[in-house]
Amino acid sequence: MRLHSRDDRRRAGPRLRVAVLGTGYWAWWCHGSVLSARPDIDFVGFWGRDAHKAANAAARVGRGRGFTDLDEVLDAVDAVSIALTPDVQAPLAARAARAGKHVLLDKPLALDVAAADEVVAAVARSGVTSLNFLTYLFQAEVTAWLDDMRDLAAAHGRWEGASVSCAGSIDTPGSPYSDSAWRRARGGLWDWGPHALSLLFALLPPVERVSGVRGLRDTAHVTMEHAGGPVSSMTLTVTAPEGTQESTVAVWGPGGRHTLSLPTGTLREACHRAVDRFVEAIARGSRSHPLDAAHARRIVAVLDAAERHLARPAEQRMTVPAP
């Protein structure tokens, strides 16, 4: 199944009423800017705990208003687009789903499996549509490359391994994420990890076992064993030294070795494509999507397993005998 289509946002029927849960940079710059500009969306506004921030976010996009009462905003919409820290996103996504609202989720869905399970259960019980906005899977350059890799695997045999390296820095001057407490605390594993896993999930069978080691700063090096034998790896950091920031994906097997430098732009265009898929699924009455809450939960499960391995006691690690 191809995750992208031609850019056509004209829809028939009543417009979907949507609000953004969140008031930060990503909430207004991406989610809010995209939703408020679409002719098929009746953009209601932003919800947040701080009334001033919620009103300011609405003023930035020039549409909707600010809300501080979650029940009030849920009563006013058909769906919510969530741009909150993962520990806040999960319980609010579950609450929205239980209220019968479709949910457009950000990454990571949660910071633990139990919280992710709560969202999956709420979505399943309510029968609402869920979609996880993983930016790479809605960027045309990336999805075209993934389609080519699938075609090569079908023609020559499955891929035997893959690697993803994501090196960015929230310390870059002017970074809108420099004050992100959860990124400081959880590092590249949880910030970049969902992006890396979205690519590995598209290329290889399900992950069965995980191991990892810590590097300098927040860097996490993770190795995964996939069903049937393929092995993959991720190197992830949000505090890369100056001049070393780059993200790539590589895959190898009977079809050769192929590498893609991952794009850093077109994020709003990716969000438009994600909203396209979200609106289409709702219009069809579809309650499942390849990138639904259950897919997001599988990502959380791998990251949780990796974090537990990274935290293992020193005495459980193999040491190299001195000469």
C-alpha atoms as a PDB file:
ATOM      1  CA  MET A   1       0.000   0.000   0.000  1.00  0.00           C
ATOM      2  CA  ARG A   2       1.399   3.386  -0.971  1.00  0.00           C
ATOM      3  CA  LEU A   3       1.210   5.972   1.762  1.00  0.00           C
ATOM      4  CA  HIS A   4       1.206   8.983  -0.551  1.00  0.00           C
ATOM      5  CA  SER A   5      -1.062  10.144  -3.350  1.00  0.00           C
ATOM      6  CA  ARG A   6      -1.413  13.137  -5.624  1.00  0.00           C
ATOM      7  CA  ASP A   7      -2.048  16.416  -3.866  1.00  0.00           C
ATOM      8  CA  ASP A   8      -5.829  16.824  -4.017  1.00  0.00           C
ATOM      9  CA  ARG A   9      -7.494  18.304  -0.973  1.00  0.00           C
ATOM     10  CA  ARG A  10     -10.957  19.083  -2.326  1.00  0.00           C
ATOM     11  CA  ARG A  11     -13.544  17.064  -0.430  1.00  0.00           C
ATOM     12  CA  ALA A  12     -17.275  16.619  -0.808  1.00  0.00           C
ATOM     13  CA  GLY A  13     -19.725  16.773   2.069  1.00  0.00           C
ATOM     14  CA  PRO A  14     -19.630  18.621   5.390  1.00  0.00           C
ATOM     15  CA  ARG A  15     -16.315  19.869   6.684  1.00  0.00           C
ATOM     16  CA  LEU A  16     -14.664  18.001   9.519  1.00  0.00           C
ATOM     17  CA  ARG A  17     -14.529  20.019  12.748  1.00  0.00           C
ATOM     18  CA  VAL A  18     -11.034  19.740  14.219  1.00  0.00           C
ATOM     19  CA  ALA A  19      -9.109  21.315  17.111  1.00  0.00           C
ATOM     20  CA  VAL A  20      -5.450  21.023  18.069  1.00  0.00           C
ATOM     21  CA  LEU A  21      -4.593  19.846  21.571  1.00  0.00           C
ATOM     22  CA  GLY A  22      -1.420  21.749  22.350  1.00  0.00           C
ATOM     23  CA  THR A  23      -0.158  25.317  22.093  1.00  0.00           C
ATOM     24  CA  GLY A  24       3.600  25.003  21.514  1.00  0.00           C
ATOM     25  CA  TYR A  25       5.667  25.586  18.394  1.00  0.00           C
ATOM     26  CA  TRP A  26       4.842  22.269  16.700  1.00  0.00           C
ATOM     27  CA  ALA A  27       1.165  22.698  17.578  1.00  0.00           C
ATOM     28  CA  TRP A  28       0.742  26.047  15.815  1.00  0.00           C
ATOM     29  CA  TRP A  29       3.569  26.009  13.234  1.00  0.00           C
ATOM     30  CA  CYS A  30       2.676  22.579  11.834  1.00  0.00           C
ATOM     31  CA  HIS A  31      -0.661  21.124  12.988  1.00  0.00           C
ATOM     32  CA  GLY A  32      -2.547  24.395  13.343  1.00  0.00           C
ATOM     33  CA  SER A  33      -1.111  26.067  10.242  1.00  0.00           C
ATOM     34  CA  VAL A  34      -1.989  23.074   8.093  1.00  0.00           C
ATOM     35  CA  LEU A  35      -5.462  22.415   9.488  1.00  0.00           C
ATOM     36  CA  SER A  36      -6.517  26.075   9.445  1.00  0.00           C
ATOM     37  CA  ALA A  37      -5.533  26.408   5.775  1.00  0.00           C
ATOM     38  CA  ARG A  38      -7.536  23.469   4.460  1.00  0.00           C
ATOM     39  CA  PRO A  39     -10.902  23.948   2.735  1.00  0.00           C
ATOM     40  CA  ASP A  40     -12.164  20.564   3.987  1.00  0.00           C
ATOM     41  CA  ILE A  41     -11.547  21.404   7.660  1.00  0.00           C
ATOM     42  CA  ASP A  42     -13.579  23.599   9.987  1.00  0.00           C
ATOM     43  CA  PHE A  43     -10.731  24.592  12.295  1.00  0.00           C
ATOM     44  CA  VAL A  44     -12.061  25.261  15.789  1.00  0.00           C
ATOM     45  CA  GLY A  45      -8.880  26.321  17.585  1.00  0.00           C
ATOM     46  CA  PHE A  46      -6.346  25.232  20.201  1.00  0.00           C
ATOM     47  CA  TRP A  47      -6.716  23.653  23.628  1.00  0.00           C
ATOM     48  CA  GLY A  48      -4.145  24.219  26.345  1.00  0.00           C
ATOM     49  CA  ARG A  49      -3.856  24.659  30.101  1.00  0.00           C
ATOM     50  CA  ASP A  50      -2.718  28.283  29.673  1.00  0.00           C
ATOM     51  CA  ALA A  51      -5.465  30.528  28.246  1.00  0.00           C
ATOM     52  CA  HIS A  52      -2.969  33.108  26.951  1.00  0.00           C
ATOM     53  CA  LYS A  53      -0.919  30.496  25.095  1.00  0.00           C
ATOM     54  CA  ALA A  54      -4.052  28.927  23.597  1.00  0.00           C
ATOM     55  CA  ALA A  55      -5.334  32.312  22.392  1.00  0.00           C
ATOM     56  CA  ASN A  56      -1.877  33.241  21.086  1.00  0.00           C
ATOM     57  CA  ALA A  57      -1.651  30.017  19.063  1.00  0.00           C
ATOM     58  CA  ALA A  58      -5.028  30.778  17.456  1.00  0.00           C
ATOM     59  CA  ALA A  59      -3.870  34.322  16.688  1.00  0.00           C
ATOM     60  CA  ARG A  60      -0.712  33.001  15.010  1.00  0.00           C
ATOM     61  CA  VAL A  61      -2.697  30.956  12.478  1.00  0.00           C
ATOM     62  CA  GLY A  62      -5.524  33.484  12.188  1.00  0.00           C
ATOM     63  CA  ARG A  63      -8.298  30.951  12.781  1.00  0.00           C
ATOM     64  CA  GLY A  64     -10.258  29.516  15.689  1.00  0.00           C
ATOM     65  CA  ARG A  65      -9.892  30.445  19.340  1.00  0.00           C
ATOM     66  CA  GLY A  66      -8.234  29.263  22.510  1.00  0.00           C
ATOM     67  CA  PHE A  67      -9.794  26.732  24.903  1.00  0.00           C
ATOM     68  CA  THR A  68      -8.801  25.693  28.410  1.00  0.00           C
ATOM     69  CA  ASP A  69     -11.779  23.404  29.074  1.00  0.00           C
ATOM     70  CA  LEU A  70     -11.146  20.045  27.421  1.00  0.00           C
ATOM     71  CA  ASP A  71     -14.790  18.964  27.602  1.00  0.00           C
ATOM     72  CA  GLU A  72     -15.813  22.185  25.858  1.00  0.00           C
ATOM     73  CA  VAL A  73     -13.442  21.644  22.964  1.00  0.00           C
ATOM     74  CA  LEU A  74     -14.378  17.955  22.634  1.00  0.00           C
ATOM     75  CA  ASP A  75     -18.041  18.946  22.438  1.00  0.00           C
ATOM     76  CA  ALA A  76     -17.180  21.310  19.573  1.00  0.00           C
ATOM     77  CA  VAL A  77     -15.287  18.899  17.291  1.00  0.00           C
ATOM     78  CA  ASP A  78     -15.390  15.652  15.354  1.00  0.00           C
ATOM     79  CA  ALA A  79     -11.651  15.055  15.693  1.00  0.00           C
ATOM     80  CA  VAL A  80      -8.556  16.266  17.483  1.00  0.00           C
ATOM     81  CA  SER A  81      -4.999  16.660  16.249  1.00  0.00           C
ATOM     82  CA  ILE A  82      -2.588  16.202  19.137  1.00  0.00           C
ATOM     83  CA  ALA A  83       0.717  18.073  19.490  1.00  0.00           C
ATOM     84  CA  LEU A  84       1.648  17.536  23.131  1.00  0.00           C
ATOM     85  CA  THR A  85       4.440  15.893  25.068  1.00  0.00           C
ATOM     86  CA  PRO A  86       4.002  12.097  24.897  1.00  0.00           C
ATOM     87  CA  ASP A  87       3.241  11.704  28.587  1.00  0.00           C
ATOM     88  CA  VAL A  88       0.358  14.171  28.192  1.00  0.00           C
ATOM     89  CA  GLN A  89      -0.715  13.008  24.734  1.00  0.00           C
ATOM     90  CA  ALA A  90      -1.552   9.420  25.714  1.00  0.00           C
ATOM     91  CA  PRO A  91      -4.181  10.051  28.424  1.00  0.00           C
ATOM     92  CA  LEU A  92      -5.786  12.887  26.445  1.00  0.00           C
ATOM     93  CA  ALA A  93      -5.890  10.786  23.274  1.00  0.00           C
ATOM     94  CA  ALA A  94      -7.621   8.018  25.218  1.00  0.00           C
ATOM     95  CA  ARG A  95     -10.065  10.532  26.673  1.00  0.00           C
ATOM     96  CA  ALA A  96     -10.836  11.990  23.240  1.00  0.00           C
ATOM     97  CA  ALA A  97     -11.332   8.522  21.745  1.00  0.00           C
ATOM     98  CA  ARG A  98     -13.674   7.547  24.578  1.00  0.00           C
ATOM     99  CA  ALA A  99     -15.661  10.706  23.762  1.00  0.00           C
ATOM    100  CA  GLY A 100     -16.050   9.426  20.188  1.00  0.00           C
ATOM    101  CA  LYS A 101     -13.521  11.770  18.587  1.00  0.00           C
ATOM    102  CA  HIS A 102     -11.152  10.696  15.843  1.00  0.00           C
ATOM    103  CA  VAL A 103      -7.501  11.207  16.811  1.00  0.00           C
ATOM    104  CA  LEU A 104      -4.538  12.371  14.736  1.00  0.00           C
ATOM    105  CA  LEU A 105      -1.568  11.405  16.901  1.00  0.00           C
ATOM    106  CA  ASP A 106       1.988  12.678  17.081  1.00  0.00           C
ATOM    107  CA  LYS A 107       5.078  10.687  17.982  1.00  0.00           C
ATOM    108  CA  PRO A 108       5.866   8.969  20.252  1.00  0.00           C
ATOM    109  CA  LEU A 109       2.373   7.949  21.284  1.00  0.00           C
ATOM    110  CA  ALA A 110       3.444   7.479  24.914  1.00  0.00           C
ATOM    111  CA  LEU A 111       6.503   6.932  27.081  1.00  0.00           C
ATOM    112  CA  ASP A 112       5.427   3.506  28.349  1.00  0.00           C
ATOM    113  CA  VAL A 113       3.527   0.544  26.959  1.00  0.00           C
ATOM    114  CA  ALA A 114       0.695   0.686  29.499  1.00  0.00           C
ATOM    115  CA  ALA A 115      -0.221   4.239  28.482  1.00  0.00           C
ATOM    116  CA  ALA A 116      -0.067   3.291  24.800  1.00  0.00           C
ATOM    117  CA  ASP A 117      -2.285   0.267  25.463  1.00  0.00           C
ATOM    118  CA  GLU A 118      -4.872   2.563  27.014  1.00  0.00           C
ATOM    119  CA  VAL A 119      -5.068   4.589  23.813  1.00  0.00           C
ATOM    120  CA  VAL A 120      -5.327   1.493  21.621  1.00  0.00           C
ATOM    121  CA  ALA A 121      -8.113   0.093  23.804  1.00  0.00           C
ATOM    122  CA  ALA A 122     -10.050   3.385  23.799  1.00  0.00           C
ATOM    123  CA  VAL A 123      -9.801   3.670  20.011  1.00  0.00           C
ATOM    124  CA  ALA A 124     -10.953   0.064  19.550  1.00  0.00           C
ATOM    125  CA  ARG A 125     -13.890   0.364  21.948  1.00  0.00           C
ATOM    126  CA  SER A 126     -15.139   3.636  20.463  1.00  0.00           C
ATOM    127  CA  GLY A 127     -14.585   2.655  16.841  1.00  0.00           C
ATOM    128  CA  VAL A 128     -12.947   5.969  15.967  1.00  0.00           C
ATOM    129  CA  THR A 129     -10.259   6.509  13.337  1.00  0.00           C
ATOM    130  CA  SER A 130      -6.680   6.982  14.513  1.00  0.00           C
ATOM    131  CA  LEU A 131      -3.569   7.904  12.547  1.00  0.00           C
ATOM    132  CA  ASN A 132      -0.008   8.487  13.763  1.00  0.00           C
ATOM    133  CA  PHE A 133       1.691  11.391  11.973  1.00  0.00           C
ATOM    134  CA  LEU A 134       5.189  10.027  11.340  1.00  0.00           C
ATOM    135  CA  THR A 135       6.728  12.674   9.111  1.00  0.00           C
ATOM    136  CA  TYR A 136       9.001  10.474   6.984  1.00  0.00           C
ATOM    137  CA  LEU A 137       6.107   8.268   5.906  1.00  0.00           C
ATOM    138  CA  PHE A 138       4.320  11.282   4.441  1.00  0.00           C
ATOM    139  CA  GLN A 139       7.284  12.847   2.642  1.00  0.00           C
ATOM    140  CA  ALA A 140       7.172  12.048  -1.070  1.00  0.00           C
ATOM    141  CA  GLU A 141      10.919  11.461  -1.452  1.00  0.00           C
ATOM    142  CA  VAL A 142      10.957   8.928   1.381  1.00  0.00           C
ATOM    143  CA  THR A 143       7.789   7.053   0.456  1.00  0.00           C
ATOM    144  CA  ALA A 144       8.919   6.795  -3.178  1.00  0.00           C
ATOM    145  CA  TRP A 145      12.221   5.287  -1.986  1.00  0.00           C
ATOM    146  CA  LEU A 146      10.404   2.839   0.285  1.00  0.00           C
ATOM    147  CA  ASP A 147       8.174   1.789  -2.608  1.00  0.00           C
ATOM    148  CA  ASP A 148      11.282   1.148  -4.717  1.00  0.00           C
ATOM    149  CA  MET A 149      12.831  -0.903  -1.899  1.00  0.00           C
ATOM    150  CA  ARG A 150       9.677  -3.015  -1.617  1.00  0.00           C
ATOM    151  CA  ASP A 151       9.748  -3.622  -5.375  1.00  0.00           C
ATOM    152  CA  LEU A 152      13.411  -4.684  -5.218  1.00  0.00           C
ATOM    153  CA  ALA A 153      12.706  -7.048  -2.317  1.00  0.00           C
ATOM    154  CA  ALA A 154       9.804  -8.594  -4.224  1.00  0.00           C
ATOM    155  CA  ALA A 155      12.019  -9.120  -7.271  1.00  0.00           C
ATOM    156  CA  HIS A 156      15.259 -10.312  -5.606  1.00  0.00           C
ATOM    157  CA  GLY A 157      14.438 -11.504  -2.097  1.00  0.00           C
ATOM    158  CA  ARG A 158      13.843  -9.957   1.276  1.00  0.00           C
ATOM    159  CA  TRP A 159      16.226  -7.460   2.811  1.00  0.00           C
ATOM    160  CA  GLU A 160      18.760  -8.934   5.229  1.00  0.00           C
ATOM    161  CA  GLY A 161      19.530  -5.814   7.224  1.00  0.00           C
ATOM    162  CA  ALA A 162      19.041  -2.096   7.585  1.00  0.00           C
ATOM    163  CA  SER A 163      20.390   0.815   9.584  1.00  0.00           C
ATOM    164  CA  VAL A 164      19.121   4.283  10.439  1.00  0.00           C
ATOM    165  CA  SER A 165      21.239   7.116  11.791  1.00  0.00           C
ATOM    166  CA  CYS A 166      19.450  10.223  13.056  1.00  0.00           C
ATOM    167  CA  ALA A 167      21.714  12.953  14.407  1.00  0.00           C
ATOM    168  CA  GLY A 168      20.216  16.315  15.237  1.00  0.00           C
ATOM    169  CA  SER A 169      20.673  18.928  17.928  1.00  0.00           C
ATOM    170  CA  ILE A 170      18.196  20.769  20.086  1.00  0.00           C
ATOM    171  CA  ASP A 171      21.149  22.956  21.111  1.00  0.00           C
ATOM    172  CA  THR A 172      21.382  24.638  17.713  1.00  0.00           C
ATOM    173  CA  PRO A 173      20.934  28.407  18.177  1.00  0.00           C
ATOM    174  CA  GLY A 174      17.294  29.297  17.645  1.00  0.00           C
ATOM    175  CA  SER A 175      16.031  25.709  17.943  1.00  0.00           C
ATOM    176  CA  PRO A 176      12.342  25.715  18.924  1.00  0.00           C
ATOM    177  CA  TYR A 177      13.007  22.541  20.930  1.00  0.00           C
ATOM    178  CA  SER A 178      15.846  23.834  23.119  1.00  0.00           C
ATOM    179  CA  ASP A 179      13.489  24.083  26.113  1.00  0.00           C
ATOM    180  CA  SER A 180      11.840  20.703  25.525  1.00  0.00           C
ATOM    181  CA  ALA A 181      12.102  19.016  28.922  1.00  0.00           C
ATOM    182  CA  TRP A 182      11.001  15.587  27.705  1.00  0.00           C
ATOM    183  CA  ARG A 183      13.581  15.604  24.894  1.00  0.00           C
ATOM    184  CA  ARG A 184      16.293  16.543  27.408  1.00  0.00           C
ATOM    185  CA  ALA A 185      15.199  13.721  29.682  1.00  0.00           C
ATOM    186  CA  ARG A 186      14.563  11.000  27.099  1.00  0.00           C
ATOM    187  CA  GLY A 187      17.060  11.958  24.384  1.00  0.00           C
ATOM    188  CA  GLY A 188      17.352  10.694  20.849  1.00  0.00           C
ATOM    189  CA  LEU A 189      15.931   7.262  21.633  1.00  0.00           C
ATOM    190  CA  TRP A 190      12.429   8.611  22.159  1.00  0.00           C
ATOM    191  CA  ASP A 191      12.573  11.681  19.901  1.00  0.00           C
ATOM    192  CA  TRP A 192      14.226  10.174  16.822  1.00  0.00           C
ATOM    193  CA  GLY A 193      13.356   6.552  17.608  1.00  0.00           C
ATOM    194  CA  PRO A 194       9.782   6.641  16.245  1.00  0.00           C
ATOM    195  CA  HIS A 195      11.053   8.117  12.963  1.00  0.00           C
ATOM    196  CA  ALA A 196      13.773   5.494  12.619  1.00  0.00           C
ATOM    197  CA  LEU A 197      11.432   2.642  13.502  1.00  0.00           C
ATOM    198  CA  SER A 198       8.805   3.863  11.042  1.00  0.00           C
ATOM    199  CA  LEU A 199      11.362   3.202   8.291  1.00  0.00           C
ATOM    200  CA  LEU A 200      12.577  -0.112   9.687  1.00  0.00           C
ATOM    201  CA  PHE A 201       9.004  -1.353  10.137  1.00  0.00           C
ATOM    202  CA  ALA A 202       8.381  -0.549   6.452  1.00  0.00           C
ATOM    203  CA  LEU A 203      11.487  -2.445   5.302  1.00  0.00           C
ATOM    204  CA  LEU A 204      11.779  -5.482   7.584  1.00  0.00           C
ATOM    205  CA  PRO A 205       9.611  -8.025   9.473  1.00  0.00           C
ATOM    206  CA  PRO A 206       8.505  -7.340  13.066  1.00  0.00           C
ATOM    207  CA  VAL A 207      11.112  -6.759  15.774  1.00  0.00           C
ATOM    208  CA  GLU A 208      11.532  -9.694  18.187  1.00  0.00           C
ATOM    209  CA  ARG A 209      14.579  -8.815  20.317  1.00  0.00           C
ATOM    210  CA  VAL A 210      16.367  -5.585  21.208  1.00  0.00           C
ATOM    211  CA  SER A 211      19.743  -4.669  22.699  1.00  0.00           C
ATOM    212  CA  GLY A 212      21.603  -1.423  23.050  1.00  0.00           C
ATOM    213  CA  VAL A 213      24.413   0.655  24.503  1.00  0.00           C
ATOM    214  CA  ARG A 214      24.725   4.275  25.527  1.00  0.00           C
ATOM    215  CA  GLY A 215      27.132   6.594  23.766  1.00  0.00           C
ATOM    216  CA  LEU A 216      28.285  10.090  24.623  1.00  0.00           C
ATOM    217  CA  ARG A 217      25.772  12.805  25.433  1.00  0.00           C
ATOM    218  CA  ASP A 218      22.295  11.327  24.849  1.00  0.00           C
ATOM    219  CA  THR A 219      23.321   9.000  22.016  1.00  0.00           C
ATOM    220  CA  ALA A 220      21.656   5.577  21.945  1.00  0.00           C
ATOM    221  CA  HIS A 221      22.939   2.717  19.767  1.00  0.00           C
ATOM    222  CA  VAL A 222      20.233   0.069  19.370  1.00  0.00           C
ATOM    223  CA  THR A 223      20.366  -3.304  17.579  1.00  0.00           C
ATOM    224  CA  MET A 224      17.223  -5.229  16.697  1.00  0.00           C
ATOM    225  CA  GLU A 225      16.628  -8.817  15.638  1.00  0.00           C
ATOM    226  CA  HIS A 226      13.662  -9.199  13.304  1.00  0.00           C
ATOM    227  CA  ALA A 227      11.443 -12.199  12.637  1.00  0.00           C
ATOM    228  CA  GLY A 228      13.133 -14.623  10.252  1.00  0.00           C
ATOM    229  CA  GLY A 229      16.679 -13.379  10.798  1.00  0.00           C
ATOM    230  CA  PRO A 230      17.226  -9.823   9.513  1.00  0.00           C
ATOM    231  CA  VAL A 231      19.060  -7.476  11.864  1.00  0.00           C
ATOM    232  CA  SER A 232      18.836  -3.696  12.006  1.00  0.00           C
ATOM    233  CA  SER A 233      20.412  -0.892  13.979  1.00  0.00           C
ATOM    234  CA  MET A 234      19.673   2.695  14.998  1.00  0.00           C
ATOM    235  CA  THR A 235      22.031   5.445  16.151  1.00  0.00           C
ATOM    236  CA  LEU A 236      20.030   8.303  17.635  1.00  0.00           C
ATOM    237  CA  THR A 237      20.918  11.629  19.235  1.00  0.00           C
ATOM    238  CA  VAL A 238      19.368  15.062  19.755  1.00  0.00           C
ATOM    239  CA  THR A 239      22.635  16.623  20.927  1.00  0.00           C
ATOM    240  CA  ALA A 240      24.953  15.987  17.975  1.00  0.00           C
ATOM    241  CA  PRO A 241      28.084  18.164  17.854  1.00  0.00           C
ATOM    242  CA  GLU A 242      28.096  21.073  15.430  1.00  0.00           C
ATOM    243  CA  GLY A 243      28.710  19.981  11.852  1.00  0.00           C
ATOM    244  CA  THR A 244      27.692  16.348  12.433  1.00  0.00           C
ATOM    245  CA  GLN A 245      23.933  16.633  12.015  1.00  0.00           C
ATOM    246  CA  GLU A 246      22.668  14.242   9.359  1.00  0.00           C
ATOM    247  CA  SER A 247      20.035  11.518   9.023  1.00  0.00           C
ATOM    248  CA  THR A 248      20.282   8.516   6.690  1.00  0.00           C
ATOM    249  CA  VAL A 249      18.728   5.112   6.126  1.00  0.00           C
ATOM    250  CA  ALA A 250      20.437   2.148   4.460  1.00  0.00           C
ATOM    251  CA  VAL A 251      19.196  -1.308   3.498  1.00  0.00           C
ATOM    252  CA  TRP A 252      20.991  -4.323   2.052  1.00  0.00           C
ATOM    253  CA  GLY A 253      20.309  -7.806   0.739  1.00  0.00           C
ATOM    254  CA  PRO A 254      20.030  -9.708  -2.561  1.00  0.00           C
ATOM    255  CA  GLY A 255      18.700  -6.535  -4.203  1.00  0.00           C
ATOM    256  CA  GLY A 256      21.914  -4.655  -3.418  1.00  0.00           C
ATOM    257  CA  ARG A 257      22.748  -1.929  -0.943  1.00  0.00           C
ATOM    258  CA  HIS A 258      20.782   1.314  -1.035  1.00  0.00           C
ATOM    259  CA  THR A 259      21.070   4.493   1.017  1.00  0.00           C
ATOM    260  CA  LEU A 260      18.862   7.560   1.326  1.00  0.00           C
ATOM    261  CA  SER A 261      19.703  10.869   2.967  1.00  0.00           C
ATOM    262  CA  LEU A 262      16.563  11.756   4.865  1.00  0.00           C
ATOM    263  CA  PRO A 263      14.989  15.140   4.117  1.00  0.00           C
ATOM    264  CA  THR A 264      14.666  17.876   6.706  1.00  0.00           C
ATOM    265  CA  GLY A 265      12.125  20.091   4.924  1.00  0.00           C
ATOM    266  CA  THR A 266       8.578  19.730   3.590  1.00  0.00           C
ATOM    267  CA  LEU A 267       7.208  19.036   7.083  1.00  0.00           C
ATOM    268  CA  ARG A 268       4.011  21.011   6.557  1.00  0.00           C
ATOM    269  CA  GLU A 269       3.497  19.284   3.225  1.00  0.00           C
ATOM    270  CA  ALA A 270       3.938  15.957   5.023  1.00  0.00           C
ATOM    271  CA  CYS A 271       1.313  17.046   7.542  1.00  0.00           C
ATOM    272  CA  HIS A 272      -1.076  17.907   4.690  1.00  0.00           C
ATOM    273  CA  ARG A 273      -0.625  14.376   3.340  1.00  0.00           C
ATOM    274  CA  ALA A 274      -1.242  12.892   6.765  1.00  0.00           C
ATOM    275  CA  VAL A 275      -4.431  14.925   7.102  1.00  0.00           C
ATOM    276  CA  ASP A 276      -5.450  13.751   3.613  1.00  0.00           C
ATOM    277  CA  ARG A 277      -5.222  10.131   4.754  1.00  0.00           C
ATOM    278  CA  PHE A 278      -6.936  10.926   8.049  1.00  0.00           C
ATOM    279  CA  VAL A 279      -9.880  12.694   6.400  1.00  0.00           C
ATOM    280  CA  GLU A 280     -10.209   9.988   3.750  1.00  0.00           C
ATOM    281  CA  ALA A 281     -10.297   7.213   6.353  1.00  0.00           C
ATOM    282  CA  ILE A 282     -12.982   9.035   8.341  1.00  0.00           C
ATOM    283  CA  ALA A 283     -15.039   9.692   5.197  1.00  0.00           C
ATOM    284  CA  ARG A 284     -14.868   5.992   4.275  1.00  0.00           C
ATOM    285  CA  GLY A 285     -15.940   4.994   7.743  1.00  0.00           C
ATOM    286  CA  SER A 286     -12.658   3.139   8.099  1.00  0.00           C
ATOM    287  CA  ARG A 287     -11.651   2.323  11.655  1.00  0.00           C
ATOM    288  CA  SER A 288      -8.197   1.054  10.791  1.00  0.00           C
ATOM    289  CA  HIS A 289      -5.170   2.470   8.996  1.00  0.00           C
ATOM    290  CA  PRO A 290      -1.669   1.028   8.550  1.00  0.00           C
ATOM    291  CA  LEU A 291      -0.370   3.846  10.776  1.00  0.00           C
ATOM    292  CA  ASP A 292      -3.046   3.683  13.452  1.00  0.00           C
ATOM    293  CA  ALA A 293      -2.738   3.740  17.237  1.00  0.00           C
ATOM    294  CA  ALA A 294      -1.799   0.054  17.267  1.00  0.00           C
ATOM    295  CA  HIS A 295       1.146   0.793  14.948  1.00  0.00           C
ATOM    296  CA  ALA A 296       2.166   3.645  17.254  1.00  0.00           C
ATOM    297  CA  ARG A 297       1.965   1.260  20.218  1.00  0.00           C
ATOM    298  CA  ARG A 298       4.353  -1.195  18.513  1.00  0.00           C
ATOM    299  CA  ILE A 299       6.901   1.604  18.220  1.00  0.00           C
ATOM    300  CA  VAL A 300       6.548   2.390  21.921  1.00  0.00           C
ATOM    301  CA  ALA A 301       7.039  -1.292  22.778  1.00  0.00           C
ATOM    302  CA  VAL A 302      10.370  -1.430  20.921  1.00  0.00           C
ATOM    303  CA  LEU A 303      11.592   1.832  22.470  1.00  0.00           C
ATOM    304  CA  ASP A 304      10.563   0.641  25.938  1.00  0.00           C
ATOM    305  CA  ALA A 305      12.450  -2.631  25.454  1.00  0.00           C
ATOM    306  CA  ALA A 306      15.505  -0.722  24.242  1.00  0.00           C
ATOM    307  CA  GLU A 307      15.400   1.633  27.207  1.00  0.00           C
ATOM    308  CA  ARG A 308      15.176  -1.287  29.645  1.00  0.00           C
ATOM    309  CA  HIS A 309      18.206  -2.918  28.039  1.00  0.00           C
ATOM    310  CA  LEU A 310      20.148   0.340  28.091  1.00  0.00           C
ATOM    311  CA  ALA A 311      19.427   0.634  31.819  1.00  0.00           C
ATOM    312  CA  ARG A 312      20.703  -2.847  32.725  1.00  0.00           C
ATOM    313  CA  PRO A 313      23.213  -3.004  35.601  1.00  0.00           C
ATOM    314  CA  ALA A 314      26.875  -2.708  34.717  1.00  0.00           C
ATOM    315  CA  GLU A 315      27.631  -6.192  36.061  1.00  0.00           C
ATOM    316  CA  GLN A 316      25.338  -7.667  33.384  1.00  0.00           C
ATOM    317  CA  ARG A 317      27.465  -6.240  30.568  1.00  0.00           C
ATOM    318  CA  MET A 318      30.267  -8.154  28.925  1.00  0.00           C
ATOM    319  CA  THR A 319      33.711  -6.726  29.567  1.00  0.00           C
ATOM    320  CA  VAL A 320      36.845  -7.247  27.482  1.00  0.00           C
ATOM    321  CA  PRO A 321      39.732  -8.787  29.422  1.00  0.00           C
ATOM    322  CA  ALA A 322      42.761  -6.532  29.741  1.00  0.00           C
ATOM    323  CA  PRO A 323      45.897  -7.711  27.870  1.00  0.00           C
END
